[in-house]
PDB file of N, CA and C in Angstrom:
ATOM      1  N   MET A   1      35.861  -6.618 -23.033  1.00  0.00           N
ATOM      2  CA  MET A   1      35.538  -7.363 -21.835  1.00  0.00           C
ATOM      3  C   MET A   1      35.143  -6.427 -20.689  1.00  0.00           C
ATOM      4  N   LEU A   2      35.883  -5.328 -20.537  1.00  0.00           N
ATOM      5  CA  LEU A   2      35.572  -4.366 -19.486  1.00  0.00           C
ATOM      6  C   LEU A   2      34.199  -3.726 -19.700  1.00  0.00           C
ATOM      7  N   ASP A   3      33.837  -3.518 -20.963  1.00  0.00           N
ATOM      8  CA  ASP A   3      32.518  -2.968 -21.275  1.00  0.00           C
ATOM      9  C   ASP A   3      31.407  -3.901 -20.794  1.00  0.00           C
ATOM     10  N   LYS A   4      31.572  -5.182 -21.018  1.00  0.00           N
ATOM     11  CA  LYS A   4      30.547  -6.143 -20.597  1.00  0.00           C
ATOM     12  C   LYS A   4      30.438  -6.207 -19.078  1.00  0.00           C
ATOM     13  N   ILE A   5      31.562  -6.177 -18.390  1.00  0.00           N
ATOM     14  CA  ILE A   5      31.539  -6.190 -16.923  1.00  0.00           C
ATOM     15  C   ILE A   5      30.829  -4.937 -16.407  1.00  0.00           C
ATOM     16  N   ALA A   6      31.156  -3.794 -16.998  1.00  0.00           N
ATOM     17  CA  ALA A   6      30.516  -2.539 -16.590  1.00  0.00           C
ATOM     18  C   ALA A   6      29.011  -2.607 -16.827  1.00  0.00           C
ATOM     19  N   LEU A   7      28.601  -3.147 -17.961  1.00  0.00           N
ATOM     20  CA  LEU A   7      27.168  -3.244 -18.244  1.00  0.00           C
ATOM     21  C   LEU A   7      26.469  -4.206 -17.294  1.00  0.00           C
ATOM     22  N   ILE A   8      27.139  -5.269 -16.900  1.00  0.00           N
ATOM     23  CA  ILE A   8      26.558  -6.186 -15.911  1.00  0.00           C
ATOM     24  C   ILE A   8      26.320  -5.447 -14.595  1.00  0.00           C
ATOM     25  N   PHE A   9      27.306  -4.655 -14.158  1.00  0.00           N
ATOM     26  CA  PHE A   9      27.139  -3.875 -12.931  1.00  0.00           C
ATOM     27  C   PHE A   9      26.008  -2.862 -13.060  1.00  0.00           C
ATOM     28  N   VAL A  10      25.890  -2.229 -14.215  1.00  0.00           N
ATOM     29  CA  VAL A  10      24.818  -1.258 -14.428  1.00  0.00           C
ATOM     30  C   VAL A  10      23.455  -1.945 -14.365  1.00  0.00           C
ATOM     31  N   VAL A  11      23.343  -3.114 -14.950  1.00  0.00           N
ATOM     32  CA  VAL A  11      22.074  -3.858 -14.911  1.00  0.00           C
ATOM     33  C   VAL A  11      21.744  -4.267 -13.472  1.00  0.00           C
ATOM     34  N   ILE A  12      22.741  -4.745 -12.733  1.00  0.00           N
ATOM     35  CA  ILE A  12      22.510  -5.100 -11.331  1.00  0.00           C
ATOM     36  C   ILE A  12      22.025  -3.882 -10.548  1.00  0.00           C
ATOM     37  N   GLY A  13      22.681  -2.760 -10.774  1.00  0.00           N
ATOM     38  CA  GLY A  13      22.269  -1.528 -10.095  1.00  0.00           C
ATOM     39  C   GLY A  13      20.866  -1.099 -10.474  1.00  0.00           C
ATOM     40  N   ALA A  14      20.533  -1.206 -11.757  1.00  0.00           N
ATOM     41  CA  ALA A  14      19.196  -0.815 -12.208  1.00  0.00           C
ATOM     42  C   ALA A  14      18.128  -1.725 -11.601  1.00  0.00           C
ATOM     43  N   LEU A  15      18.397  -3.029 -11.575  1.00  0.00           N
ATOM     44  CA  LEU A  15      17.438  -3.955 -10.970  1.00  0.00           C
ATOM     45  C   LEU A  15      17.292  -3.694  -9.476  1.00  0.00           C
ATOM     46  N   ASN A  16      18.391  -3.404  -8.809  1.00  0.00           N
ATOM     47  CA  ASN A  16      18.329  -3.103  -7.382  1.00  0.00           C
ATOM     48  C   ASN A  16      17.501  -1.846  -7.130  1.00  0.00           C
ATOM     49  N   TRP A  17      17.734  -0.801  -7.919  1.00  0.00           N
ATOM     50  CA  TRP A  17      16.954   0.430  -7.747  1.00  0.00           C
ATOM     51  C   TRP A  17      15.486   0.215  -8.081  1.00  0.00           C
ATOM     52  N   GLY A  18      15.210  -0.654  -9.044  1.00  0.00           N
ATOM     53  CA  GLY A  18      13.823  -0.992  -9.345  1.00  0.00           C
ATOM     54  C   GLY A  18      13.139  -1.657  -8.161  1.00  0.00           C
ATOM     55  N   LEU A  19      13.850  -2.576  -7.516  1.00  0.00           N
ATOM     56  CA  LEU A  19      13.302  -3.233  -6.320  1.00  0.00           C
ATOM     57  C   LEU A  19      13.095  -2.240  -5.183  1.00  0.00           C
ATOM     58  N   VAL A  20      14.040  -1.312  -5.032  1.00  0.00           N
ATOM     59  CA  VAL A  20      13.905  -0.294  -3.985  1.00  0.00           C
ATOM     60  C   VAL A  20      12.684   0.578  -4.279  1.00  0.00           C
ATOM     61  N   GLY A  21      12.534   0.985  -5.520  1.00  0.00           N
ATOM     62  CA  GLY A  21      11.424   1.863  -5.886  1.00  0.00           C
ATOM     63  C   GLY A  21      10.061   1.188  -5.790  1.00  0.00           C
ATOM     64  N   LEU A  22       9.992  -0.057  -6.198  1.00  0.00           N
ATOM     65  CA  LEU A  22       8.701  -0.746  -6.212  1.00  0.00           C
ATOM     66  C   LEU A  22       8.322  -1.373  -4.879  1.00  0.00           C
ATOM     67  N   PHE A  23       9.306  -1.958  -4.207  1.00  0.00           N
ATOM     68  CA  PHE A  23       9.008  -2.756  -3.021  1.00  0.00           C
ATOM     69  C   PHE A  23       9.769  -2.332  -1.762  1.00  0.00           C
ATOM     70  N   GLN A  24      10.541  -1.261  -1.847  1.00  0.00           N
ATOM     71  CA  GLN A  24      11.384  -0.802  -0.743  1.00  0.00           C
ATOM     72  C   GLN A  24      12.266  -1.944  -0.227  1.00  0.00           C
ATOM     73  N   PHE A  25      12.831  -2.694  -1.171  1.00  0.00           N
ATOM     74  CA  PHE A  25      13.682  -3.837  -0.838  1.00  0.00           C
ATOM     75  C   PHE A  25      15.018  -3.689  -1.548  1.00  0.00           C
ATOM     76  N   ASP A  26      16.072  -3.548  -0.769  1.00  0.00           N
ATOM     77  CA  ASP A  26      17.423  -3.398  -1.310  1.00  0.00           C
ATOM     78  C   ASP A  26      18.110  -4.763  -1.272  1.00  0.00           C
ATOM     79  N   ILE A  27      18.182  -5.423  -2.421  1.00  0.00           N
ATOM     80  CA  ILE A  27      18.724  -6.788  -2.474  1.00  0.00           C
ATOM     81  C   ILE A  27      20.214  -6.825  -2.136  1.00  0.00           C
ATOM     82  N   VAL A  28      20.948  -5.791  -2.497  1.00  0.00           N
ATOM     83  CA  VAL A  28      22.381  -5.755  -2.172  1.00  0.00           C
ATOM     84  C   VAL A  28      22.560  -5.712  -0.659  1.00  0.00           C
ATOM     85  N   ALA A  29      21.817  -4.848   0.004  1.00  0.00           N
ATOM     86  CA  ALA A  29      21.905  -4.759   1.465  1.00  0.00           C
ATOM     87  C   ALA A  29      21.447  -6.066   2.107  1.00  0.00           C
ATOM     88  N   PHE A  30      20.403  -6.657   1.566  1.00  0.00           N
ATOM     89  CA  PHE A  30      19.894  -7.919   2.103  1.00  0.00           C
ATOM     90  C   PHE A  30      20.933  -9.034   1.990  1.00  0.00           C
ATOM     91  N   MET A  31      21.611  -9.100   0.847  1.00  0.00           N
ATOM     92  CA  MET A  31      22.555 -10.190   0.605  1.00  0.00           C
ATOM     93  C   MET A  31      23.876 -10.011   1.353  1.00  0.00           C
ATOM     94  N   PHE A  32      24.273  -8.771   1.582  1.00  0.00           N
ATOM     95  CA  PHE A  32      25.612  -8.530   2.115  1.00  0.00           C
ATOM     96  C   PHE A  32      25.639  -7.872   3.491  1.00  0.00           C
ATOM     97  N   GLY A  33      24.525  -7.895   4.239  1.00  0.00           N
ATOM     98  CA  GLY A  33      24.567  -7.483   5.634  1.00  0.00           C
ATOM     99  C   GLY A  33      24.181  -6.053   5.944  1.00  0.00           C
ATOM    100  N   GLY A  34      23.355  -5.426   5.143  1.00  0.00           N
ATOM    101  CA  GLY A  34      22.921  -4.055   5.408  1.00  0.00           C
ATOM    102  C   GLY A  34      23.681  -3.044   4.575  1.00  0.00           C
ATOM    103  N   THR A  35      23.136  -1.843   4.516  1.00  0.00           N
ATOM    104  CA  THR A  35      23.735  -0.822   3.654  1.00  0.00           C
ATOM    105  C   THR A  35      25.096  -0.352   4.141  1.00  0.00           C
ATOM    106  N   GLY A  36      25.348  -0.466   5.437  1.00  0.00           N
ATOM    107  CA  GLY A  36      26.625  -0.006   5.971  1.00  0.00           C
ATOM    108  C   GLY A  36      27.711  -1.073   6.023  1.00  0.00           C
ATOM    109  N   ALA A  37      27.359  -2.305   5.699  1.00  0.00           N
ATOM    110  CA  ALA A  37      28.340  -3.389   5.756  1.00  0.00           C
ATOM    111  C   ALA A  37      29.405  -3.193   4.681  1.00  0.00           C
ATOM    112  N   ILE A  38      30.608  -3.604   4.986  1.00  0.00           N
ATOM    113  CA  ILE A  38      31.727  -3.382   4.061  1.00  0.00           C
ATOM    114  C   ILE A  38      31.493  -4.073   2.718  1.00  0.00           C
ATOM    115  N   LEU A  39      30.928  -5.280   2.721  1.00  0.00           N
ATOM    116  CA  LEU A  39      30.669  -5.966   1.453  1.00  0.00           C
ATOM    117  C   LEU A  39      29.633  -5.214   0.612  1.00  0.00           C
ATOM    118  N   SER A  40      28.601  -4.699   1.260  1.00  0.00           N
ATOM    119  CA  SER A  40      27.603  -3.908   0.536  1.00  0.00           C
ATOM    120  C   SER A  40      28.241  -2.657  -0.061  1.00  0.00           C
ATOM    121  N   ARG A  41      29.083  -2.016   0.712  1.00  0.00           N
ATOM    122  CA  ARG A  41      29.737  -0.795   0.222  1.00  0.00           C
ATOM    123  C   ARG A  41      30.660  -1.092  -0.952  1.00  0.00           C
ATOM    124  N   ILE A  42      31.308  -2.246  -0.929  1.00  0.00           N
ATOM    125  CA  ILE A  42      32.161  -2.643  -2.059  1.00  0.00           C
ATOM    126  C   ILE A  42      31.302  -2.871  -3.298  1.00  0.00           C
ATOM    127  N   VAL A  43      30.174  -3.575  -3.135  1.00  0.00           N
ATOM    128  CA  VAL A  43      29.286  -3.826  -4.273  1.00  0.00           C
ATOM    129  C   VAL A  43      28.732  -2.513  -4.807  1.00  0.00           C
ATOM    130  N   TYR A  44      28.280  -1.619  -3.918  1.00  0.00           N
ATOM    131  CA  TYR A  44      27.785  -0.315  -4.370  1.00  0.00           C
ATOM    132  C   TYR A  44      28.861   0.457  -5.127  1.00  0.00           C
ATOM    133  N   THR A  45      30.095   0.390  -4.662  1.00  0.00           N
ATOM    134  CA  THR A  45      31.201   1.079  -5.328  1.00  0.00           C
ATOM    135  C   THR A  45      31.477   0.478  -6.700  1.00  0.00           C
ATOM    136  N   LEU A  46      31.459  -0.850  -6.808  1.00  0.00           N
ATOM    137  CA  LEU A  46      31.660  -1.492  -8.113  1.00  0.00           C
ATOM    138  C   LEU A  46      30.553  -1.117  -9.087  1.00  0.00           C
ATOM    139  N   ILE A  47      29.316  -1.056  -8.594  1.00  0.00           N
ATOM    140  CA  ILE A  47      28.198  -0.651  -9.451  1.00  0.00           C
ATOM    141  C   ILE A  47      28.381   0.786  -9.916  1.00  0.00           C
ATOM    142  N   ALA A  48      28.818   1.658  -9.015  1.00  0.00           N
ATOM    143  CA  ALA A  48      29.061   3.056  -9.396  1.00  0.00           C
ATOM    144  C   ALA A  48      30.172   3.167 -10.428  1.00  0.00           C
ATOM    145  N   LEU A  49      31.255   2.420 -10.232  1.00  0.00           N
ATOM    146  CA  LEU A  49      32.350   2.440 -11.207  1.00  0.00           C
ATOM    147  C   LEU A  49      31.889   1.906 -12.559  1.00  0.00           C
ATOM    148  N   GLY A  50      31.047   0.873 -12.535  1.00  0.00           N
ATOM    149  CA  GLY A  50      30.483   0.357 -13.783  1.00  0.00           C
ATOM    150  C   GLY A  50      29.639   1.407 -14.483  1.00  0.00           C
ATOM    151  N   GLY A  51      28.868   2.161 -13.716  1.00  0.00           N
ATOM    152  CA  GLY A  51      28.067   3.237 -14.299  1.00  0.00           C
ATOM    153  C   GLY A  51      28.917   4.339 -14.895  1.00  0.00           C
ATOM    154  N   ILE A  52      29.987   4.684 -14.199  1.00  0.00           N
ATOM    155  CA  ILE A  52      30.903   5.712 -14.721  1.00  0.00           C
ATOM    156  C   ILE A  52      31.553   5.228 -16.009  1.00  0.00           C
ATOM    157  N   TRP A  53      31.974   3.968 -16.022  1.00  0.00           N
ATOM    158  CA  TRP A  53      32.574   3.409 -17.238  1.00  0.00           C
ATOM    159  C   TRP A  53      31.553   3.386 -18.379  1.00  0.00           C
ATOM    160  N   ALA A  54      30.298   3.057 -18.061  1.00  0.00           N
ATOM    161  CA  ALA A  54      29.256   2.974 -19.085  1.00  0.00           C
ATOM    162  C   ALA A  54      28.983   4.333 -19.732  1.00  0.00           C
ATOM    163  N   ILE A  55      29.265   5.416 -19.035  1.00  0.00           N
ATOM    164  CA  ILE A  55      29.102   6.744 -19.633  1.00  0.00           C
ATOM    165  C   ILE A  55      29.979   6.859 -20.873  1.00  0.00           C
ATOM    166  N   SER A  56      31.167   6.265 -20.827  1.00  0.00           N
ATOM    167  CA  SER A  56      32.068   6.338 -21.980  1.00  0.00           C
ATOM    168  C   SER A  56      31.486   5.641 -23.204  1.00  0.00           C
ATOM    169  N   LEU A  57      30.590   4.684 -23.003  1.00  0.00           N
ATOM    170  CA  LEU A  57      29.972   3.989 -24.130  1.00  0.00           C
ATOM    171  C   LEU A  57      29.113   4.940 -24.965  1.00  0.00           C
ATOM    172  N   LEU A  58      28.606   5.979 -24.336  1.00  0.00           N
ATOM    173  CA  LEU A  58      27.778   6.950 -25.053  1.00  0.00           C
ATOM    174  C   LEU A  58      28.574   7.765 -26.061  1.00  0.00           C
ATOM    175  N   PHE A  59      29.861   7.907 -25.822  1.00  0.00           N
ATOM    176  CA  PHE A  59      30.680   8.797 -26.636  1.00  0.00           C
ATOM    177  C   PHE A  59      31.642   8.070 -27.563  1.00  0.00           C
ATOM    178  N   ARG A  60      31.517   6.781 -27.656  1.00  0.00           N
ATOM    179  CA  ARG A  60      32.418   6.017 -28.525  1.00  0.00           C
ATOM    180  C   ARG A  60      31.883   5.945 -29.944  1.00  0.00           C
ATOM    181  N   ASP A  61      32.814   5.906 -30.877  1.00  0.00           N
ATOM    182  CA  ASP A  61      32.457   5.709 -32.280  1.00  0.00           C
ATOM    183  C   ASP A  61      32.392   4.206 -32.537  1.00  0.00           C
ATOM    184  N   THR A  62      31.188   3.649 -32.515  1.00  0.00           N
ATOM    185  CA  THR A  62      31.039   2.199 -32.640  1.00  0.00           C
ATOM    186  C   THR A  62      31.280   1.705 -34.065  1.00  0.00           C
ATOM    187  N   GLU A  63      31.113   2.577 -35.049  1.00  0.00           N
ATOM    188  CA  GLU A  63      31.322   2.161 -36.441  1.00  0.00           C
ATOM    189  C   GLU A  63      32.775   1.793 -36.702  1.00  0.00           C
ATOM    190  N   SER A  64      33.694   2.539 -36.129  1.00  0.00           N
ATOM    191  CA  SER A  64      35.106   2.288 -36.400  1.00  0.00           C
ATOM    192  C   SER A  64      35.621   1.029 -35.694  1.00  0.00           C
ATOM    193  N   SER A  65      34.893   0.563 -34.680  1.00  0.00           N
ATOM    194  CA  SER A  65      35.350  -0.623 -33.965  1.00  0.00           C
ATOM    195  C   SER A  65      34.892  -1.922 -34.600  1.00  0.00           C
ATOM    196  N   HIS A  66      33.986  -1.839 -35.570  1.00  0.00           N
ATOM    197  CA  HIS A  66      33.510  -3.044 -36.257  1.00  0.00           C
ATOM    198  C   HIS A  66      34.375  -3.334 -37.482  1.00  0.00           C
ATOM    199  N   VAL A  67      34.629  -4.584 -37.719  1.00  0.00           N
ATOM    200  CA  VAL A  67      35.401  -4.989 -38.880  1.00  0.00           C
ATOM    201  C   VAL A  67      34.481  -4.996 -40.098  1.00  0.00           C
ATOM    202  N   ARG A  68      34.935  -4.363 -41.176  1.00  0.00           N
ATOM    203  CA  ARG A  68      34.112  -4.315 -42.382  1.00  0.00           C
ATOM    204  C   ARG A  68      34.606  -5.341 -43.379  1.00  0.00           C
ATOM    205  N   ASP A  69      33.675  -5.966 -44.067  1.00  0.00           N
ATOM    206  CA  ASP A  69      34.027  -6.966 -45.083  1.00  0.00           C
ATOM    207  C   ASP A  69      34.307  -6.310 -46.423  1.00  0.00           C
TER     208      ASP A  69
END
């Protein structure tokens, strides 16, 4: 469950950075009151934590976590 939440945050962050890169539009800042607003900072922090957690997905042995018939 934590993996899925982390991946959702990573996708949100990637889409936000795509909007910033293509259109200079930061949707998180727009939705939560600017880049310095406390809600924006919380969302940015959650996205960063999701990205840090997602790094662990690169180093996991996925074969051992699947049930074999």
